[in-house]
């Protein structure tokens, strides 16, 4: 069940190409969700990606899910055990984009049908869909993610998405649509590459911060050790000095 305290951000306008990634740090059993919608409710090209920044932690507890806001059906979810992933869909309306750390193991309609068939005793091929999202290590997980929403080409985007228009496309329209699809695919791949570059920058910043913290702690311990050694040496010299002065008096 999605946490009621999950953050909710409603994007009512066009989302421009990202210049930086967003990130969220999740505690064990915590889930983060936000909502967005396509421009004017018309069909749009929606792309997104995510990357877990904690390379030392297993990715099994991580969930990334895209919901249809109205029907609450799963439109897309990440592959189990994958620390990174991306999606690209064409749709209209409102959506939920959720991330979980040991929470939010939602199932698609295909998963639900498969599970129902298994309960009814029908033969179902075995696969790796019996996921275990439990967070056993109790660690925090930082997830970087991006989201882009682009209206389809032209002002009559909704008409372009209709299946039964009653019109016959000519060869020029078919070729134009193919070129648009090819352009969107190429653009998606380029933006995904840029997303990964941003994730690498975030990792570098995180590692640099850790290194700086470690160096600061080493310096503090070194100065403390030097102070302790000076105190011990001073005490030893003072003790030996008093010891020899006492012998001389005797």
C-alpha atoms as a PDB file:
ATOM      1  CA  UNK A   1       0.000   0.000   0.000  1.00  0.00           C
ATOM      2  CA  UNK A   2       1.412   3.331  -1.021  1.00  0.00           C
ATOM      3  CA  UNK A   3       2.384   5.507   1.885  1.00  0.00           C
ATOM      4  CA  UNK A   4      -0.081   8.294   2.532  1.00  0.00           C
ATOM      5  CA  UNK A   5       2.801  10.551   3.449  1.00  0.00           C
ATOM      6  CA  UNK A   6       4.407  10.145   0.026  1.00  0.00           C
ATOM      7  CA  UNK A   7       5.305  13.408  -1.642  1.00  0.00           C
ATOM      8  CA  UNK A   8       2.903  14.531  -4.378  1.00  0.00           C
ATOM      9  CA  UNK A   9       4.048  16.857  -7.127  1.00  0.00           C
ATOM     10  CA  UNK A  10       1.573  17.682  -9.880  1.00  0.00           C
ATOM     11  CA  UNK A  11       3.134  18.659 -13.187  1.00  0.00           C
ATOM     12  CA  UNK A  12       0.430  20.572 -15.037  1.00  0.00           C
ATOM     13  CA  UNK A  13       2.640  21.894 -17.830  1.00  0.00           C
ATOM     14  CA  UNK A  14       5.106  20.526 -20.305  1.00  0.00           C
ATOM     15  CA  UNK A  15       8.226  19.107 -18.686  1.00  0.00           C
ATOM     16  CA  UNK A  16      11.311  20.386 -20.483  1.00  0.00           C
ATOM     17  CA  UNK A  17      14.352  18.171 -21.087  1.00  0.00           C
ATOM     18  CA  UNK A  18      16.238  17.709 -17.847  1.00  0.00           C
ATOM     19  CA  UNK A  19      19.535  19.420 -17.179  1.00  0.00           C
ATOM     20  CA  UNK A  20      19.990  17.516 -13.906  1.00  0.00           C
ATOM     21  CA  UNK A  21      18.497  14.520 -12.200  1.00  0.00           C
ATOM     22  CA  UNK A  22      16.264  14.462  -9.162  1.00  0.00           C
ATOM     23  CA  UNK A  23      17.011  12.097  -6.304  1.00  0.00           C
ATOM     24  CA  UNK A  24      15.254  10.740  -3.237  1.00  0.00           C
ATOM     25  CA  UNK A  25      16.621   8.824  -0.237  1.00  0.00           C
ATOM     26  CA  UNK A  26      14.291   6.153   1.105  1.00  0.00           C
ATOM     27  CA  UNK A  27      14.359   4.531   4.523  1.00  0.00           C
ATOM     28  CA  UNK A  28      13.559   0.802   4.831  1.00  0.00           C
ATOM     29  CA  UNK A  29       9.906  -0.008   4.043  1.00  0.00           C
ATOM     30  CA  UNK A  30       9.391   3.553   2.744  1.00  0.00           C
ATOM     31  CA  UNK A  31       7.803   4.547  -0.569  1.00  0.00           C
ATOM     32  CA  UNK A  32       7.917   7.847  -2.457  1.00  0.00           C
ATOM     33  CA  UNK A  33       5.282   8.788  -5.058  1.00  0.00           C
ATOM     34  CA  UNK A  34       4.468  11.839  -7.110  1.00  0.00           C
ATOM     35  CA  UNK A  35       1.841  12.547  -9.760  1.00  0.00           C
ATOM     36  CA  UNK A  36       2.016  14.184 -13.160  1.00  0.00           C
ATOM     37  CA  UNK A  37      -0.268  14.612 -16.136  1.00  0.00           C
ATOM     38  CA  UNK A  38       0.121  15.169 -19.841  1.00  0.00           C
ATOM     39  CA  UNK A  39      -0.426  18.622 -21.305  1.00  0.00           C
ATOM     40  CA  UNK A  40      -4.157  19.379 -21.592  1.00  0.00           C
ATOM     41  CA  UNK A  41      -4.823  15.674 -21.171  1.00  0.00           C
ATOM     42  CA  UNK A  42      -3.721  14.979 -24.761  1.00  0.00           C
ATOM     43  CA  UNK A  43      -1.542  12.021 -25.786  1.00  0.00           C
ATOM     44  CA  UNK A  44       2.136  12.655 -25.101  1.00  0.00           C
ATOM     45  CA  UNK A  45       5.421  10.841 -25.365  1.00  0.00           C
ATOM     46  CA  UNK A  46       6.491   9.967 -21.801  1.00  0.00           C
ATOM     47  CA  UNK A  47       9.998   8.778 -20.974  1.00  0.00           C
ATOM     48  CA  UNK A  48      11.771   8.226 -17.676  1.00  0.00           C
ATOM     49  CA  UNK A  49      14.682   6.441 -16.073  1.00  0.00           C
ATOM     50  CA  UNK A  50      16.080   5.671 -12.633  1.00  0.00           C
ATOM     51  CA  UNK A  51      19.376   4.582 -11.123  1.00  0.00           C
ATOM     52  CA  UNK A  52      20.141   3.448  -7.566  1.00  0.00           C
ATOM     53  CA  UNK A  53      23.200   5.361  -6.354  1.00  0.00           C
ATOM     54  CA  UNK A  54      24.212   2.895  -3.629  1.00  0.00           C
ATOM     55  CA  UNK A  55      26.356   0.460  -5.594  1.00  0.00           C
ATOM     56  CA  UNK A  56      27.367  -1.465  -2.470  1.00  0.00           C
ATOM     57  CA  UNK A  57      23.754  -2.434  -1.641  1.00  0.00           C
ATOM     58  CA  UNK A  58      21.640  -5.111  -3.376  1.00  0.00           C
ATOM     59  CA  UNK A  59      18.879  -3.857  -5.647  1.00  0.00           C
ATOM     60  CA  UNK A  60      16.276  -6.525  -4.785  1.00  0.00           C
ATOM     61  CA  UNK A  61      14.290  -4.267  -2.364  1.00  0.00           C
ATOM     62  CA  UNK A  62      14.104  -1.493  -4.974  1.00  0.00           C
ATOM     63  CA  UNK A  63      10.815  -0.919  -6.800  1.00  0.00           C
ATOM     64  CA  UNK A  64      10.024   1.624  -9.511  1.00  0.00           C
ATOM     65  CA  UNK A  65       6.424   1.657 -10.738  1.00  0.00           C
ATOM     66  CA  UNK A  66       4.354   3.826 -13.077  1.00  0.00           C
ATOM     67  CA  UNK A  67       0.576   3.796 -12.362  1.00  0.00           C
ATOM     68  CA  UNK A  68      -2.378   5.033 -14.330  1.00  0.00           C
ATOM     69  CA  UNK A  69      -3.910   7.652 -12.028  1.00  0.00           C
ATOM     70  CA  UNK A  70      -7.546   6.902 -12.905  1.00  0.00           C
ATOM     71  CA  UNK A  71      -7.533   3.084 -13.017  1.00  0.00           C
ATOM     72  CA  UNK A  72      -4.590   2.487 -10.633  1.00  0.00           C
ATOM     73  CA  UNK A  73      -3.271  -0.122 -13.064  1.00  0.00           C
ATOM     74  CA  UNK A  74       0.460  -0.708 -13.464  1.00  0.00           C
ATOM     75  CA  UNK A  75       1.649   0.818 -16.732  1.00  0.00           C
ATOM     76  CA  UNK A  76       5.316  -0.061 -16.194  1.00  0.00           C
ATOM     77  CA  UNK A  77       7.516  -1.446 -13.455  1.00  0.00           C
ATOM     78  CA  UNK A  78      11.228  -2.123 -13.113  1.00  0.00           C
ATOM     79  CA  UNK A  79      12.816  -5.521 -13.567  1.00  0.00           C
ATOM     80  CA  UNK A  80      13.377  -7.344 -10.299  1.00  0.00           C
ATOM     81  CA  UNK A  81      16.889  -6.922  -8.911  1.00  0.00           C
ATOM     82  CA  UNK A  82      17.885  -4.244 -11.445  1.00  0.00           C
ATOM     83  CA  UNK A  83      19.556  -1.134 -10.024  1.00  0.00           C
ATOM     84  CA  UNK A  84      18.698   0.904 -13.119  1.00  0.00           C
ATOM     85  CA  UNK A  85      16.029   1.003 -15.792  1.00  0.00           C
ATOM     86  CA  UNK A  86      14.026   3.177 -18.157  1.00  0.00           C
ATOM     87  CA  UNK A  87      10.672   3.310 -19.925  1.00  0.00           C
ATOM     88  CA  UNK A  88       9.135   4.986 -22.950  1.00  0.00           C
ATOM     89  CA  UNK A  89       5.369   5.088 -23.569  1.00  0.00           C
ATOM     90  CA  UNK A  90       2.792   7.135 -25.461  1.00  0.00           C
ATOM     91  CA  UNK A  91      -0.282   7.857 -23.356  1.00  0.00           C
ATOM     92  CA  UNK A  92      -2.608  10.556 -22.044  1.00  0.00           C
ATOM     93  CA  UNK A  93      -3.957  11.494 -18.636  1.00  0.00           C
ATOM     94  CA  UNK A  94      -2.596  11.427 -15.092  1.00  0.00           C
ATOM     95  CA  UNK A  95      -0.011   9.047 -13.695  1.00  0.00           C
ATOM     96  CA  UNK A  96       1.708   8.099 -10.445  1.00  0.00           C
ATOM     97  CA  UNK A  97       5.489   7.549 -10.485  1.00  0.00           C
ATOM     98  CA  UNK A  98       6.552   5.619  -7.352  1.00  0.00           C
ATOM     99  CA  UNK A  99       9.778   4.309  -5.827  1.00  0.00           C
ATOM    100  CA  UNK A 100      10.074   1.935  -2.881  1.00  0.00           C
ATOM    101  CA  UNK A 101      12.758   0.535  -0.597  1.00  0.00           C
ATOM    102  CA  UNK A 102      11.302  -2.778   0.535  1.00  0.00           C
ATOM    103  CA  UNK A 103       7.770  -1.584  -0.318  1.00  0.00           C
ATOM    104  CA  UNK A 104       5.582  -1.299  -3.400  1.00  0.00           C
ATOM    105  CA  UNK A 105       5.947  -4.704  -5.049  1.00  0.00           C
ATOM    106  CA  UNK A 106       2.979  -4.137  -7.349  1.00  0.00           C
ATOM    107  CA  UNK A 107       1.885  -6.562 -10.034  1.00  0.00           C
ATOM    108  CA  UNK A 108       0.844  -5.955 -13.615  1.00  0.00           C
ATOM    109  CA  UNK A 109      -2.396  -7.310 -15.039  1.00  0.00           C
ATOM    110  CA  UNK A 110      -0.382 -10.103 -16.656  1.00  0.00           C
ATOM    111  CA  UNK A 111       1.081 -11.045 -13.265  1.00  0.00           C
ATOM    112  CA  UNK A 112      -2.407 -11.062 -11.698  1.00  0.00           C
ATOM    113  CA  UNK A 113      -3.834 -13.280 -14.457  1.00  0.00           C
ATOM    114  CA  UNK A 114      -0.897 -15.656 -14.119  1.00  0.00           C
ATOM    115  CA  UNK A 115      -1.313 -15.840 -10.344  1.00  0.00           C
ATOM    116  CA  UNK A 116      -5.061 -16.456 -10.689  1.00  0.00           C
ATOM    117  CA  UNK A 117      -4.430 -19.275 -13.165  1.00  0.00           C
ATOM    118  CA  UNK A 118      -1.930 -20.843 -10.781  1.00  0.00           C
ATOM    119  CA  UNK A 119      -4.451 -20.712  -7.920  1.00  0.00           C
ATOM    120  CA  UNK A 120      -7.076 -22.343 -10.136  1.00  0.00           C
ATOM    121  CA  UNK A 121      -4.712 -25.236 -10.824  1.00  0.00           C
ATOM    122  CA  UNK A 122      -3.945 -24.432 -14.440  1.00  0.00           C
ATOM    123  CA  UNK A 123      -0.435 -25.281 -15.684  1.00  0.00           C
ATOM    124  CA  UNK A 124       1.682 -22.158 -15.628  1.00  0.00           C
ATOM    125  CA  UNK A 125       5.336 -22.108 -16.757  1.00  0.00           C
ATOM    126  CA  UNK A 126       7.704 -21.451 -13.885  1.00  0.00           C
ATOM    127  CA  UNK A 127       9.705 -18.262 -14.024  1.00  0.00           C
ATOM    128  CA  UNK A 128      11.305 -15.744 -11.687  1.00  0.00           C
ATOM    129  CA  UNK A 129       8.202 -13.678 -10.932  1.00  0.00           C
ATOM    130  CA  UNK A 130       7.915 -14.693  -7.296  1.00  0.00           C
ATOM    131  CA  UNK A 131       9.684 -11.550  -6.189  1.00  0.00           C
ATOM    132  CA  UNK A 132      10.897 -10.853  -2.667  1.00  0.00           C
ATOM    133  CA  UNK A 133      11.116  -7.086  -2.107  1.00  0.00           C
ATOM    134  CA  UNK A 134      11.824  -7.330   1.621  1.00  0.00           C
ATOM    135  CA  UNK A 135      14.597  -5.032   2.874  1.00  0.00           C
ATOM    136  CA  UNK A 136      16.789  -7.389   4.905  1.00  0.00           C
ATOM    137  CA  UNK A 137      19.862  -5.163   5.247  1.00  0.00           C
ATOM    138  CA  UNK A 138      17.978  -2.199   6.762  1.00  0.00           C
ATOM    139  CA  UNK A 139      19.941   0.269   4.603  1.00  0.00           C
ATOM    140  CA  UNK A 140      18.899   3.590   3.138  1.00  0.00           C
ATOM    141  CA  UNK A 141      18.770   3.758  -0.640  1.00  0.00           C
ATOM    142  CA  UNK A 142      19.254   6.865  -2.771  1.00  0.00           C
ATOM    143  CA  UNK A 143      17.529   6.775  -6.152  1.00  0.00           C
ATOM    144  CA  UNK A 144      18.203   9.239  -8.947  1.00  0.00           C
ATOM    145  CA  UNK A 145      15.475   9.589 -11.560  1.00  0.00           C
ATOM    146  CA  UNK A 146      14.302  11.672 -14.504  1.00  0.00           C
ATOM    147  CA  UNK A 147      10.974  12.180 -16.233  1.00  0.00           C
ATOM    148  CA  UNK A 148      10.121  13.851 -19.540  1.00  0.00           C
ATOM    149  CA  UNK A 149       6.698  14.508 -21.047  1.00  0.00           C
ATOM    150  CA  UNK A 150       6.558  15.747 -24.637  1.00  0.00           C
ATOM    151  CA  UNK A 151       3.321  16.435 -26.563  1.00  0.00           C
ATOM    152  CA  UNK A 152       3.038  14.600 -29.837  1.00  0.00           C
ATOM    153  CA  UNK A 153       3.845  16.473 -33.010  1.00  0.00           C
ATOM    154  CA  UNK A 154       1.125  18.816 -34.250  1.00  0.00           C
ATOM    155  CA  UNK A 155      -1.888  20.363 -32.615  1.00  0.00           C
ATOM    156  CA  UNK A 156      -4.196  17.430 -33.405  1.00  0.00           C
ATOM    157  CA  UNK A 157      -2.362  14.961 -31.172  1.00  0.00           C
ATOM    158  CA  UNK A 158      -5.516  13.306 -29.886  1.00  0.00           C
ATOM    159  CA  UNK A 159      -6.659  12.528 -33.454  1.00  0.00           C
ATOM    160  CA  UNK A 160      -3.305  10.925 -34.218  1.00  0.00           C
ATOM    161  CA  UNK A 161      -3.827   8.460 -31.355  1.00  0.00           C
ATOM    162  CA  UNK A 162      -7.310   7.323 -32.387  1.00  0.00           C
ATOM    163  CA  UNK A 163      -7.452   3.805 -33.748  1.00  0.00           C
ATOM    164  CA  UNK A 164     -10.584   4.131 -35.894  1.00  0.00           C
ATOM    165  CA  UNK A 165     -10.458   7.483 -37.649  1.00  0.00           C
ATOM    166  CA  UNK A 166     -12.369   6.423 -40.726  1.00  0.00           C
ATOM    167  CA  UNK A 167      -9.582   7.856 -42.885  1.00  0.00           C
ATOM    168  CA  UNK A 168      -7.078   6.032 -45.046  1.00  0.00           C
ATOM    169  CA  UNK A 169      -3.494   7.126 -44.623  1.00  0.00           C
ATOM    170  CA  UNK A 170      -1.551   7.693 -47.799  1.00  0.00           C
ATOM    171  CA  UNK A 171       2.072   6.699 -48.329  1.00  0.00           C
ATOM    172  CA  UNK A 172       3.360  10.143 -47.348  1.00  0.00           C
ATOM    173  CA  UNK A 173       1.540  10.026 -43.991  1.00  0.00           C
ATOM    174  CA  UNK A 174       2.847   6.533 -43.272  1.00  0.00           C
ATOM    175  CA  UNK A 175       6.399   7.597 -44.077  1.00  0.00           C
ATOM    176  CA  UNK A 176       6.007  10.725 -41.941  1.00  0.00           C
ATOM    177  CA  UNK A 177       4.798   8.675 -38.967  1.00  0.00           C
ATOM    178  CA  UNK A 178       7.707   6.282 -39.372  1.00  0.00           C
ATOM    179  CA  UNK A 179      10.159   9.177 -39.370  1.00  0.00           C
ATOM    180  CA  UNK A 180       8.485  10.631 -36.255  1.00  0.00           C
ATOM    181  CA  UNK A 181       8.753   7.265 -34.480  1.00  0.00           C
ATOM    182  CA  UNK A 182      12.394   6.946 -35.514  1.00  0.00           C
ATOM    183  CA  UNK A 183      13.103  10.487 -34.298  1.00  0.00           C
ATOM    184  CA  UNK A 184      11.456   9.786 -30.940  1.00  0.00           C
ATOM    185  CA  UNK A 185      13.434   6.557 -30.537  1.00  0.00           C
ATOM    186  CA  UNK A 186      16.727   8.292 -31.322  1.00  0.00           C
ATOM    187  CA  UNK A 187      15.901  11.177 -28.997  1.00  0.00           C
ATOM    188  CA  UNK A 188      14.953   8.759 -26.201  1.00  0.00           C
ATOM    189  CA  UNK A 189      18.289   6.987 -26.491  1.00  0.00           C
ATOM    190  CA  UNK A 190      20.227  10.263 -26.489  1.00  0.00           C
ATOM    191  CA  UNK A 191      18.341  11.522 -23.441  1.00  0.00           C
ATOM    192  CA  UNK A 192      18.890   8.197 -21.676  1.00  0.00           C
ATOM    193  CA  UNK A 193      22.618   8.596 -22.323  1.00  0.00           C
ATOM    194  CA  UNK A 194      22.483  12.102 -20.836  1.00  0.00           C
ATOM    195  CA  UNK A 195      20.596  10.720 -17.830  1.00  0.00           C
ATOM    196  CA  UNK A 196      23.348   8.175 -17.199  1.00  0.00           C
ATOM    197  CA  UNK A 197      25.950  10.935 -17.395  1.00  0.00           C
ATOM    198  CA  UNK A 198      24.027  12.844 -14.723  1.00  0.00           C
ATOM    199  CA  UNK A 199      23.815   9.704 -12.568  1.00  0.00           C
ATOM    200  CA  UNK A 200      27.591   9.309 -12.892  1.00  0.00           C
ATOM    201  CA  UNK A 201      28.032  12.928 -11.788  1.00  0.00           C
ATOM    202  CA  UNK A 202      25.805  12.278  -8.762  1.00  0.00           C
ATOM    203  CA  UNK A 203      27.832   9.203  -7.864  1.00  0.00           C
ATOM    204  CA  UNK A 204      31.052  11.203  -8.197  1.00  0.00           C
ATOM    205  CA  UNK A 205      29.685  13.914  -5.901  1.00  0.00           C
ATOM    206  CA  UNK A 206      28.595  11.319  -3.336  1.00  0.00           C
ATOM    207  CA  UNK A 207      31.967   9.555  -3.399  1.00  0.00           C
ATOM    208  CA  UNK A 208      33.823  12.876  -3.174  1.00  0.00           C
ATOM    209  CA  UNK A 209      31.774  13.788  -0.119  1.00  0.00           C
ATOM    210  CA  UNK A 210      32.601  10.447   1.505  1.00  0.00           C
ATOM    211  CA  UNK A 211      36.310  10.865   0.729  1.00  0.00           C
ATOM    212  CA  UNK A 212      36.308  14.391   2.158  1.00  0.00           C
ATOM    213  CA  UNK A 213      34.575  13.169   5.326  1.00  0.00           C
ATOM    214  CA  UNK A 214      37.095  10.343   5.665  1.00  0.00           C
ATOM    215  CA  UNK A 215      40.032  12.717   5.150  1.00  0.00           C
ATOM    216  CA  UNK A 216      38.607  15.103   7.765  1.00  0.00           C
ATOM    217  CA  UNK A 217      38.226  12.270  10.281  1.00  0.00           C
ATOM    218  CA  UNK A 218      41.780  11.052   9.586  1.00  0.00           C
ATOM    219  CA  UNK A 219      43.138  14.549  10.130  1.00  0.00           C
ATOM    220  CA  UNK A 220      41.235  14.907  13.399  1.00  0.00           C
ATOM    221  CA  UNK A 221      42.499  11.551  14.658  1.00  0.00           C
ATOM    222  CA  UNK A 222      46.061  12.407  13.578  1.00  0.00           C
ATOM    223  CA  UNK A 223      45.948  15.698  15.467  1.00  0.00           C
ATOM    224  CA  UNK A 224      44.457  13.951  18.513  1.00  0.00           C
ATOM    225  CA  UNK A 225      47.189  11.279  18.413  1.00  0.00           C
ATOM    226  CA  UNK A 226      49.868  13.960  18.098  1.00  0.00           C
ATOM    227  CA  UNK A 227      48.402  15.826  21.088  1.00  0.00           C
ATOM    228  CA  UNK A 228      48.281  12.633  23.167  1.00  0.00           C
ATOM    229  CA  UNK A 229      51.889  11.762  22.242  1.00  0.00           C
ATOM    230  CA  UNK A 230      53.057  15.272  23.181  1.00  0.00           C
ATOM    231  CA  UNK A 231      51.276  14.994  26.534  1.00  0.00           C
ATOM    232  CA  UNK A 232      52.807  11.566  27.203  1.00  0.00           C
ATOM    233  CA  UNK A 233      56.304  12.731  26.200  1.00  0.00           C
ATOM    234  CA  UNK A 234      55.999  15.834  28.404  1.00  0.00           C
ATOM    235  CA  UNK A 235      54.821  13.725  31.335  1.00  0.00           C
ATOM    236  CA  UNK A 236      57.704  11.269  30.873  1.00  0.00           C
ATOM    237  CA  UNK A 237      60.305  14.044  30.692  1.00  0.00           C
ATOM    238  CA  UNK A 238      58.838  15.729  33.750  1.00  0.00           C
ATOM    239  CA  UNK A 239      58.814  12.451  35.695  1.00  0.00           C
ATOM    240  CA  UNK A 240      62.404  11.567  34.776  1.00  0.00           C
ATOM    241  CA  UNK A 241      63.548  15.089  35.621  1.00  0.00           C
ATOM    242  CA  UNK A 242      61.975  14.904  39.078  1.00  0.00           C
ATOM    243  CA  UNK A 243      63.364  11.384  39.572  1.00  0.00           C
ATOM    244  CA  UNK A 244      66.995  12.402  38.882  1.00  0.00           C
ATOM    245  CA  UNK A 245      66.670  15.582  40.924  1.00  0.00           C
ATOM    246  CA  UNK A 246      65.476  13.493  43.900  1.00  0.00           C
ATOM    247  CA  UNK A 247      68.489  11.138  43.572  1.00  0.00           C
ATOM    248  CA  UNK A 248      70.871  14.073  43.497  1.00  0.00           C
ATOM    249  CA  UNK A 249      69.418  15.475  46.696  1.00  0.00           C
ATOM    250  CA  UNK A 250      69.896  12.093  48.383  1.00  0.00           C
END
